[in-house]
N, C-alpha and C. Protein backbone atom coordinates (compact mmCIF):
# COMPACT_ATOMS: atom_id res chain seq x y z
N MET A 1 123.56 77.82 -17.20
CA MET A 1 122.84 78.06 -16.01
C MET A 1 122.00 76.86 -15.60
N LEU A 2 121.53 76.21 -16.53
CA LEU A 2 120.77 75.01 -16.25
C LEU A 2 121.66 73.98 -15.56
N ASN A 3 122.86 73.95 -15.98
CA ASN A 3 123.80 73.01 -15.40
C ASN A 3 124.11 73.39 -13.96
N LYS A 4 124.18 74.65 -13.68
CA LYS A 4 124.47 75.11 -12.34
C LYS A 4 123.32 74.81 -11.40
N ASN A 5 122.11 74.99 -11.82
CA ASN A 5 120.92 74.68 -11.00
C ASN A 5 120.80 73.19 -10.74
N THR A 6 121.13 72.39 -11.67
CA THR A 6 121.04 70.95 -11.51
C THR A 6 122.04 70.50 -10.45
N LYS A 7 123.23 71.05 -10.47
CA LYS A 7 124.23 70.70 -9.48
C LYS A 7 123.79 71.17 -8.09
N LEU A 8 123.19 72.35 -8.02
CA LEU A 8 122.71 72.87 -6.75
C LEU A 8 121.58 72.01 -6.18
N ASN A 9 120.68 71.60 -7.05
CA ASN A 9 119.57 70.74 -6.62
C ASN A 9 120.09 69.40 -6.09
N LYS A 10 121.11 68.87 -6.72
CA LYS A 10 121.66 67.59 -6.28
C LYS A 10 122.33 67.74 -4.91
N LYS A 11 122.95 68.89 -4.67
CA LYS A 11 123.58 69.11 -3.38
C LYS A 11 122.54 69.26 -2.27
N LEU A 12 121.40 69.85 -2.57
CA LEU A 12 120.37 70.06 -1.57
C LEU A 12 119.56 68.80 -1.26
N GLN A 13 119.53 67.85 -2.11
CA GLN A 13 118.76 66.62 -1.89
C GLN A 13 119.46 65.71 -0.89
N ALA A 14 118.66 65.06 -0.06
CA ALA A 14 119.20 64.12 0.91
C ALA A 14 119.70 62.89 0.19
N PRO A 15 120.77 62.34 0.68
CA PRO A 15 121.27 61.13 0.02
C PRO A 15 120.30 59.97 0.26
N SER A 16 120.13 59.15 -0.70
CA SER A 16 119.25 57.98 -0.56
C SER A 16 120.11 56.74 -0.54
N TYR A 17 119.72 55.85 0.35
CA TYR A 17 120.44 54.59 0.49
C TYR A 17 119.49 53.46 0.17
N LYS A 18 120.00 52.45 -0.36
CA LYS A 18 119.19 51.29 -0.69
C LYS A 18 119.16 50.36 0.53
N LEU A 19 117.95 50.13 1.07
CA LEU A 19 117.80 49.25 2.23
C LEU A 19 117.68 47.82 1.77
N GLU A 20 118.39 46.96 2.47
CA GLU A 20 118.29 45.55 2.16
C GLU A 20 117.29 44.91 3.12
N ALA A 21 116.50 44.00 2.67
CA ALA A 21 115.48 43.34 3.47
C ALA A 21 116.15 42.47 4.53
N SER A 22 115.72 42.65 5.82
CA SER A 22 116.21 41.81 6.91
C SER A 22 115.14 40.78 7.18
N ARG A 23 115.32 39.66 6.69
CA ARG A 23 114.29 38.63 6.82
C ARG A 23 114.27 38.06 8.22
N GLY A 24 113.03 37.95 8.84
CA GLY A 24 112.86 37.31 10.13
C GLY A 24 113.08 38.22 11.33
N PHE A 25 113.52 39.43 11.12
CA PHE A 25 113.77 40.33 12.25
C PHE A 25 112.47 40.63 13.00
N VAL A 26 111.41 40.93 12.30
CA VAL A 26 110.13 41.25 12.92
C VAL A 26 109.59 40.03 13.67
N LEU A 27 109.73 38.88 13.08
CA LEU A 27 109.27 37.65 13.74
C LEU A 27 110.07 37.38 15.02
N ALA A 28 111.38 37.53 14.96
CA ALA A 28 112.21 37.31 16.15
C ALA A 28 111.87 38.33 17.24
N PHE A 29 111.65 39.56 16.85
CA PHE A 29 111.29 40.60 17.82
C PHE A 29 109.93 40.30 18.46
N ALA A 30 108.97 39.84 17.66
CA ALA A 30 107.64 39.50 18.18
C ALA A 30 107.73 38.32 19.16
N VAL A 31 108.55 37.34 18.86
CA VAL A 31 108.72 36.20 19.76
C VAL A 31 109.37 36.66 21.07
N LEU A 32 110.35 37.53 20.97
CA LEU A 32 111.01 38.05 22.16
C LEU A 32 110.03 38.83 23.04
N VAL A 33 109.28 39.72 22.47
CA VAL A 33 108.30 40.51 23.23
C VAL A 33 107.22 39.59 23.80
N GLY A 34 106.76 38.63 23.03
CA GLY A 34 105.74 37.68 23.51
C GLY A 34 106.24 36.86 24.69
N SER A 35 107.48 36.39 24.62
CA SER A 35 108.02 35.58 25.73
C SER A 35 108.22 36.43 26.98
N ILE A 36 108.62 37.69 26.83
CA ILE A 36 108.75 38.57 27.99
C ILE A 36 107.39 38.80 28.63
N LEU A 37 106.39 39.09 27.82
CA LEU A 37 105.04 39.31 28.36
C LEU A 37 104.48 38.04 29.01
N LEU A 38 104.76 36.89 28.42
CA LEU A 38 104.30 35.63 28.99
C LEU A 38 104.96 35.37 30.35
N SER A 39 106.26 35.61 30.45
CA SER A 39 106.93 35.38 31.74
C SER A 39 106.44 36.36 32.80
N ILE A 40 106.17 37.59 32.43
CA ILE A 40 105.60 38.55 33.39
C ILE A 40 104.21 38.09 33.83
N GLY A 41 103.41 37.64 32.89
CA GLY A 41 102.06 37.14 33.21
C GLY A 41 102.10 35.92 34.12
N LEU A 42 103.00 34.99 33.85
CA LEU A 42 103.12 33.80 34.69
C LEU A 42 103.60 34.16 36.09
N GLY A 43 104.51 35.13 36.18
CA GLY A 43 104.96 35.59 37.50
C GLY A 43 103.83 36.20 38.30
N MET A 44 103.02 37.02 37.64
CA MET A 44 101.88 37.64 38.34
C MET A 44 100.86 36.58 38.74
N PHE A 45 100.64 35.57 37.89
CA PHE A 45 99.71 34.49 38.22
C PHE A 45 100.21 33.70 39.43
N SER A 46 101.51 33.43 39.47
CA SER A 46 102.09 32.70 40.59
C SER A 46 101.92 33.47 41.90
N ILE A 47 102.15 34.77 41.86
CA ILE A 47 101.98 35.60 43.05
C ILE A 47 100.52 35.61 43.49
N ALA A 48 99.60 35.71 42.53
CA ALA A 48 98.17 35.72 42.86
C ALA A 48 97.74 34.41 43.51
N ILE A 49 98.22 33.28 42.99
CA ILE A 49 97.88 31.98 43.57
C ILE A 49 98.41 31.88 45.00
N LYS A 50 99.63 32.34 45.24
CA LYS A 50 100.19 32.30 46.60
C LYS A 50 99.40 33.18 47.54
N GLU A 51 98.94 34.32 47.07
CA GLU A 51 98.13 35.22 47.91
C GLU A 51 96.79 34.57 48.27
N VAL A 52 96.18 33.87 47.33
CA VAL A 52 94.91 33.20 47.60
C VAL A 52 95.11 32.09 48.64
N ILE A 53 96.18 31.33 48.50
CA ILE A 53 96.47 30.26 49.46
C ILE A 53 96.75 30.85 50.84
N LEU A 54 97.49 31.94 50.89
CA LEU A 54 97.81 32.57 52.16
C LEU A 54 96.56 33.11 52.84
N SER A 55 95.69 33.77 52.10
CA SER A 55 94.48 34.30 52.72
C SER A 55 93.55 33.18 53.15
N SER A 56 93.50 32.10 52.38
CA SER A 56 92.69 30.94 52.76
C SER A 56 93.24 30.31 54.03
N SER A 57 94.55 30.23 54.13
CA SER A 57 95.18 29.67 55.33
C SER A 57 94.88 30.53 56.55
N GLY A 58 94.89 31.85 56.37
CA GLY A 58 94.56 32.75 57.48
C GLY A 58 93.13 32.57 57.95
N ARG A 59 92.23 32.37 57.00
CA ARG A 59 90.82 32.15 57.35
C ARG A 59 90.65 30.84 58.11
N GLU A 60 91.30 29.79 57.65
CA GLU A 60 91.21 28.49 58.31
C GLU A 60 91.85 28.54 59.70
N SER A 61 92.93 29.28 59.83
CA SER A 61 93.58 29.44 61.13
C SER A 61 92.65 30.17 62.10
N GLN A 62 91.93 31.14 61.59
CA GLN A 62 90.98 31.89 62.42
C GLN A 62 89.85 30.97 62.89
N LEU A 63 89.36 30.10 62.01
CA LEU A 63 88.32 29.14 62.41
C LEU A 63 88.83 28.23 63.53
N ALA A 64 90.06 27.75 63.39
CA ALA A 64 90.63 26.86 64.41
C ALA A 64 90.80 27.60 65.74
N PHE A 65 91.25 28.85 65.68
CA PHE A 65 91.42 29.62 66.92
C PHE A 65 90.08 29.85 67.60
N TYR A 66 89.07 30.23 66.83
CA TYR A 66 87.75 30.47 67.43
C TYR A 66 87.14 29.19 67.99
N ALA A 67 87.44 28.04 67.37
CA ALA A 67 86.97 26.77 67.92
C ALA A 67 87.64 26.50 69.27
N ALA A 68 88.94 26.75 69.35
CA ALA A 68 89.65 26.58 70.62
C ALA A 68 89.11 27.53 71.68
N ASP A 69 88.84 28.77 71.28
CA ASP A 69 88.29 29.75 72.21
C ASP A 69 86.91 29.33 72.70
N SER A 70 86.09 28.80 71.81
CA SER A 70 84.75 28.34 72.20
C SER A 70 84.82 27.21 73.21
N GLY A 71 85.73 26.26 72.98
CA GLY A 71 85.90 25.16 73.93
C GLY A 71 86.38 25.63 75.29
N GLY A 72 87.32 26.57 75.29
CA GLY A 72 87.82 27.13 76.55
C GLY A 72 86.74 27.88 77.31
N GLU A 73 85.96 28.69 76.59
CA GLU A 73 84.88 29.45 77.22
C GLU A 73 83.81 28.53 77.79
N CYS A 74 83.51 27.46 77.08
CA CYS A 74 82.53 26.49 77.58
C CYS A 74 83.01 25.86 78.89
N ALA A 75 84.29 25.47 78.91
CA ALA A 75 84.84 24.85 80.12
C ALA A 75 84.85 25.83 81.29
N ILE A 76 85.21 27.08 81.05
CA ILE A 76 85.20 28.09 82.12
C ILE A 76 83.79 28.29 82.65
N TYR A 77 82.84 28.37 81.73
CA TYR A 77 81.45 28.58 82.13
C TYR A 77 80.97 27.46 83.05
N TRP A 78 81.19 26.20 82.66
CA TRP A 78 80.70 25.09 83.47
C TRP A 78 81.53 24.87 84.73
N ASP A 79 82.75 25.37 84.75
CA ASP A 79 83.57 25.23 85.95
C ASP A 79 83.21 26.29 86.98
N ILE A 80 82.98 27.52 86.53
CA ILE A 80 82.73 28.61 87.47
C ILE A 80 81.24 28.79 87.74
N ARG A 81 80.44 28.84 86.72
CA ARG A 81 78.99 29.09 86.89
C ARG A 81 78.23 27.85 87.35
N HIS A 82 78.49 26.74 86.71
CA HIS A 82 77.85 25.44 86.95
C HIS A 82 76.36 25.56 87.32
N PRO A 83 75.54 26.10 86.39
CA PRO A 83 74.11 26.24 86.69
C PRO A 83 73.47 24.87 86.96
N ASN A 84 72.59 24.83 87.92
CA ASN A 84 71.86 23.62 88.34
C ASN A 84 72.75 22.57 89.00
N PHE A 85 74.01 22.90 89.26
CA PHE A 85 74.89 21.98 89.97
C PHE A 85 75.48 22.73 91.16
N SER A 86 75.74 22.01 92.24
CA SER A 86 76.23 22.67 93.45
C SER A 86 77.71 23.03 93.39
N ALA A 87 78.47 22.35 92.55
CA ALA A 87 79.90 22.62 92.42
C ALA A 87 80.29 22.44 90.96
N SER A 88 81.55 22.59 90.68
CA SER A 88 82.06 22.42 89.31
C SER A 88 81.64 21.06 88.76
N VAL A 89 81.37 21.01 87.48
CA VAL A 89 80.95 19.76 86.87
C VAL A 89 82.13 18.86 86.51
N PHE A 90 83.36 19.37 86.66
CA PHE A 90 84.54 18.61 86.29
C PHE A 90 85.13 17.91 87.50
N ALA A 91 85.75 16.78 87.25
CA ALA A 91 86.32 15.97 88.33
C ALA A 91 87.50 16.70 88.98
N THR A 92 87.53 16.66 90.31
CA THR A 92 88.65 17.23 91.06
C THR A 92 89.51 16.14 91.70
N SER A 93 88.94 14.97 91.88
CA SER A 93 89.68 13.81 92.41
C SER A 93 88.84 12.58 92.14
N SER A 94 89.32 11.43 92.59
CA SER A 94 88.57 10.19 92.37
C SER A 94 87.29 10.15 93.19
N GLN A 95 87.14 11.00 94.20
CA GLN A 95 85.93 11.03 95.01
C GLN A 95 84.87 11.97 94.42
N SER A 96 85.16 12.65 93.34
CA SER A 96 84.23 13.62 92.75
C SER A 96 82.99 12.92 92.20
N ALA A 97 81.87 13.56 92.41
CA ALA A 97 80.62 13.10 91.80
C ALA A 97 80.35 14.01 90.61
N ILE A 98 80.57 13.50 89.41
CA ILE A 98 80.39 14.33 88.22
C ILE A 98 79.12 13.90 87.49
N PRO A 99 78.45 14.84 86.84
CA PRO A 99 77.20 14.51 86.17
C PRO A 99 77.44 13.70 84.90
N SER A 100 76.45 12.91 84.53
CA SER A 100 76.54 12.14 83.28
C SER A 100 75.69 12.76 82.18
N SER A 101 74.98 13.85 82.51
CA SER A 101 74.21 14.58 81.50
C SER A 101 73.88 15.96 82.05
N GLY A 102 73.34 16.80 81.18
CA GLY A 102 72.91 18.13 81.60
C GLY A 102 73.95 19.21 81.45
N VAL A 103 75.09 18.88 80.86
CA VAL A 103 76.14 19.87 80.62
C VAL A 103 76.26 20.04 79.11
N SER A 104 75.82 21.19 78.59
CA SER A 104 75.80 21.34 77.14
C SER A 104 76.64 22.52 76.67
N CYS A 105 77.27 22.31 75.54
CA CYS A 105 78.03 23.35 74.84
C CYS A 105 77.70 23.24 73.36
N ALA A 106 77.45 24.36 72.73
CA ALA A 106 77.13 24.41 71.30
C ALA A 106 75.97 23.47 70.96
N GLY A 107 75.01 23.36 71.86
CA GLY A 107 73.83 22.55 71.62
C GLY A 107 74.04 21.06 71.79
N LYS A 108 75.16 20.64 72.32
CA LYS A 108 75.45 19.22 72.50
C LYS A 108 75.73 18.93 73.95
N ASP A 109 75.19 17.84 74.46
CA ASP A 109 75.43 17.44 75.85
C ASP A 109 76.80 16.78 75.92
N ILE A 110 77.78 17.52 76.45
CA ILE A 110 79.16 17.01 76.48
C ILE A 110 79.39 16.00 77.58
N ALA A 111 78.54 16.01 78.60
CA ALA A 111 78.73 15.09 79.73
C ALA A 111 78.42 13.65 79.34
N SER A 112 77.64 13.46 78.29
CA SER A 112 77.26 12.10 77.90
C SER A 112 78.42 11.31 77.30
N ASP A 113 79.43 12.00 76.76
CA ASP A 113 80.54 11.25 76.17
C ASP A 113 81.93 11.75 76.58
N TRP A 114 82.02 12.47 77.72
CA TRP A 114 83.35 12.88 78.14
C TRP A 114 84.04 11.75 78.86
N THR A 115 85.37 11.83 78.91
CA THR A 115 86.15 10.82 79.62
C THR A 115 86.77 11.47 80.84
N VAL A 116 86.79 10.72 81.91
CA VAL A 116 87.31 11.23 83.18
C VAL A 116 88.35 10.26 83.71
N SER A 117 89.50 10.81 84.09
CA SER A 117 90.50 10.01 84.79
C SER A 117 90.89 10.82 86.03
N ALA A 118 90.88 10.16 87.15
CA ALA A 118 91.13 10.87 88.41
C ALA A 118 91.90 9.97 89.36
N ASP A 119 92.68 10.63 90.21
CA ASP A 119 93.32 9.92 91.31
C ASP A 119 92.98 10.68 92.59
N ALA A 120 93.69 10.43 93.65
CA ALA A 120 93.35 11.04 94.95
C ALA A 120 93.57 12.55 94.97
N THR A 121 94.44 13.07 94.10
CA THR A 121 94.77 14.50 94.18
C THR A 121 94.32 15.34 92.99
N LYS A 122 94.03 14.73 91.86
CA LYS A 122 93.62 15.53 90.70
C LYS A 122 92.63 14.77 89.83
N GLY A 123 91.90 15.54 89.04
CA GLY A 123 90.94 14.98 88.11
C GLY A 123 91.14 15.58 86.73
N ILE A 124 91.05 14.73 85.70
CA ILE A 124 91.20 15.19 84.32
C ILE A 124 89.95 14.80 83.56
N THR A 125 89.29 15.80 82.99
CA THR A 125 88.08 15.58 82.21
C THR A 125 88.36 16.02 80.78
N THR A 126 88.04 15.16 79.82
CA THR A 126 88.26 15.45 78.40
C THR A 126 86.94 15.33 77.65
N PHE A 127 86.67 16.32 76.80
CA PHE A 127 85.47 16.25 75.97
C PHE A 127 85.73 16.92 74.64
N ASN A 128 84.87 16.58 73.66
CA ASN A 128 84.96 17.12 72.30
C ASN A 128 83.70 17.91 71.99
N ILE A 129 83.85 18.95 71.20
CA ILE A 129 82.71 19.74 70.73
C ILE A 129 82.83 19.89 69.23
N THR A 130 81.75 19.60 68.51
CA THR A 130 81.69 19.86 67.08
C THR A 130 80.81 21.08 66.89
N LEU A 131 81.37 22.09 66.25
CA LEU A 131 80.66 23.35 66.06
C LEU A 131 79.89 23.35 64.75
N GLY A 132 78.96 24.28 64.62
CA GLY A 132 78.10 24.34 63.45
C GLY A 132 78.82 24.66 62.15
N ASN A 133 79.97 25.31 62.19
CA ASN A 133 80.69 25.68 60.97
C ASN A 133 81.65 24.60 60.49
N GLY A 134 81.59 23.40 61.07
CA GLY A 134 82.46 22.30 60.67
C GLY A 134 83.73 22.19 61.48
N ALA A 135 83.99 23.18 62.32
CA ALA A 135 85.17 23.14 63.17
C ALA A 135 84.88 22.30 64.41
N CYS A 136 85.92 21.84 65.06
CA CYS A 136 85.73 21.07 66.28
C CYS A 136 86.87 21.37 67.25
N THR A 137 86.66 20.99 68.48
CA THR A 137 87.65 21.25 69.52
C THR A 137 87.69 20.10 70.52
N THR A 138 88.87 19.89 71.06
CA THR A 138 89.06 18.93 72.14
C THR A 138 89.52 19.71 73.36
N VAL A 139 88.82 19.52 74.47
CA VAL A 139 89.10 20.28 75.69
C VAL A 139 89.51 19.32 76.79
N VAL A 140 90.61 19.66 77.47
CA VAL A 140 91.08 18.87 78.61
C VAL A 140 91.10 19.80 79.82
N VAL A 141 90.30 19.44 80.84
CA VAL A 141 90.22 20.23 82.08
C VAL A 141 90.91 19.43 83.17
N THR A 142 91.97 20.01 83.72
CA THR A 142 92.71 19.38 84.81
C THR A 142 92.52 20.21 86.06
N LYS A 143 91.94 19.59 87.09
CA LYS A 143 91.72 20.27 88.37
C LYS A 143 92.57 19.57 89.42
N GLN A 144 93.39 20.36 90.09
CA GLN A 144 94.26 19.83 91.13
C GLN A 144 94.35 20.87 92.24
N SER A 145 94.04 20.47 93.46
CA SER A 145 94.01 21.38 94.62
C SER A 145 93.12 22.57 94.29
N ASN A 146 93.67 23.76 94.34
CA ASN A 146 92.88 24.96 94.04
C ASN A 146 93.20 25.54 92.67
N THR A 147 93.79 24.77 91.79
CA THR A 147 94.13 25.27 90.47
C THR A 147 93.38 24.50 89.39
N THR A 148 93.10 25.22 88.33
CA THR A 148 92.43 24.62 87.18
C THR A 148 93.24 24.97 85.94
N LYS A 149 93.48 23.96 85.12
CA LYS A 149 94.17 24.17 83.85
C LYS A 149 93.25 23.65 82.74
N ILE A 150 92.95 24.52 81.79
CA ILE A 150 92.10 24.14 80.66
C ILE A 150 92.95 24.24 79.40
N GLU A 151 93.03 23.16 78.66
CA GLU A 151 93.71 23.14 77.36
C GLU A 151 92.66 22.86 76.30
N SER A 152 92.48 23.80 75.40
CA SER A 152 91.50 23.66 74.35
C SER A 152 92.20 23.69 73.01
N ARG A 153 92.06 22.62 72.23
CA ARG A 153 92.69 22.52 70.91
C ARG A 153 91.60 22.57 69.84
N GLY A 154 91.60 23.66 69.10
CA GLY A 154 90.60 23.85 68.04
C GLY A 154 91.13 23.43 66.69
N LEU A 155 90.28 22.84 65.90
CA LEU A 155 90.61 22.41 64.54
C LEU A 155 89.65 23.07 63.57
N ASN A 156 90.15 23.50 62.42
CA ASN A 156 89.28 24.16 61.45
C ASN A 156 88.31 23.19 60.79
N THR A 157 88.62 21.92 60.80
CA THR A 157 87.74 20.89 60.25
C THR A 157 87.89 19.62 61.07
N CYS A 158 86.81 18.88 61.17
CA CYS A 158 86.86 17.61 61.91
C CYS A 158 87.32 16.46 61.03
N ASN A 159 87.49 16.72 59.74
CA ASN A 159 87.93 15.71 58.78
C ASN A 159 89.42 15.46 58.98
N VAL A 160 89.78 14.28 59.50
CA VAL A 160 91.17 13.98 59.81
C VAL A 160 92.03 13.80 58.56
N SER A 161 91.45 13.52 57.42
CA SER A 161 92.23 13.31 56.20
C SER A 161 92.39 14.59 55.37
N SER A 162 91.88 15.69 55.85
CA SER A 162 91.98 16.95 55.10
C SER A 162 93.43 17.46 55.11
N PRO A 163 93.98 17.77 53.93
CA PRO A 163 95.36 18.29 53.90
C PRO A 163 95.47 19.73 54.42
N ARG A 164 94.37 20.42 54.52
CA ARG A 164 94.37 21.81 54.99
C ARG A 164 93.91 21.92 56.44
N ARG A 165 94.01 20.85 57.19
CA ARG A 165 93.59 20.84 58.59
C ARG A 165 94.58 21.63 59.44
N LEU A 166 94.08 22.58 60.20
CA LEU A 166 94.91 23.42 61.06
C LEU A 166 94.46 23.27 62.51
N GLU A 167 95.40 23.38 63.42
CA GLU A 167 95.10 23.30 64.84
C GLU A 167 95.65 24.52 65.54
N ARG A 168 94.85 25.08 66.40
CA ARG A 168 95.27 26.19 67.26
C ARG A 168 94.86 25.82 68.68
N ALA A 169 95.67 26.20 69.65
CA ALA A 169 95.41 25.79 71.03
C ALA A 169 95.46 26.99 71.97
N LEU A 170 94.66 26.88 73.03
CA LEU A 170 94.67 27.86 74.11
C LEU A 170 94.87 27.13 75.42
N ARG A 171 95.63 27.73 76.31
CA ARG A 171 95.80 27.19 77.66
C ARG A 171 95.36 28.27 78.63
N ILE A 172 94.45 27.88 79.52
CA ILE A 172 93.89 28.82 80.51
C ILE A 172 94.21 28.25 81.88
N ASN A 173 94.86 29.04 82.71
CA ASN A 173 95.18 28.63 84.07
C ASN A 173 94.56 29.63 85.05
N TYR A 174 93.95 29.13 86.10
CA TYR A 174 93.45 30.00 87.18
C TYR A 174 93.35 29.22 88.45
């Protein structure tokens, strides 16, 4: 009976196998997982850097657009309102009498350094405005007959050597 129980016990026991050591498997698996995580991390870092550059570019573009808008609004104001002057301050022809001072935008007298070129039928007045936030704009006012064309080019920075310099322009006709 003892012999019968021993045989029964052996049948009920799970077979055991001798495992052989796999050298380096854990190390290779760790290197594989580490390289996958590193490549995912580098990909996320690359995307984050591109997003920062894109949002910075959008901000700089907005500064340039607002500079162009400021220059255009200044030109419209002095062309239509012309406070303390009897007519528009911008040249309409070579016979125009334009002021040499007293026309200010963004706290700067633009009449003191604007350039005027005129012939018998039209006048072109060009001036620059530097804004307080470091942006600047160049405005060209062309008056011919009963039409006025204002081209305002805004720049996010006045530094000509800046690699991130952006220009936005507005054209106003009336």
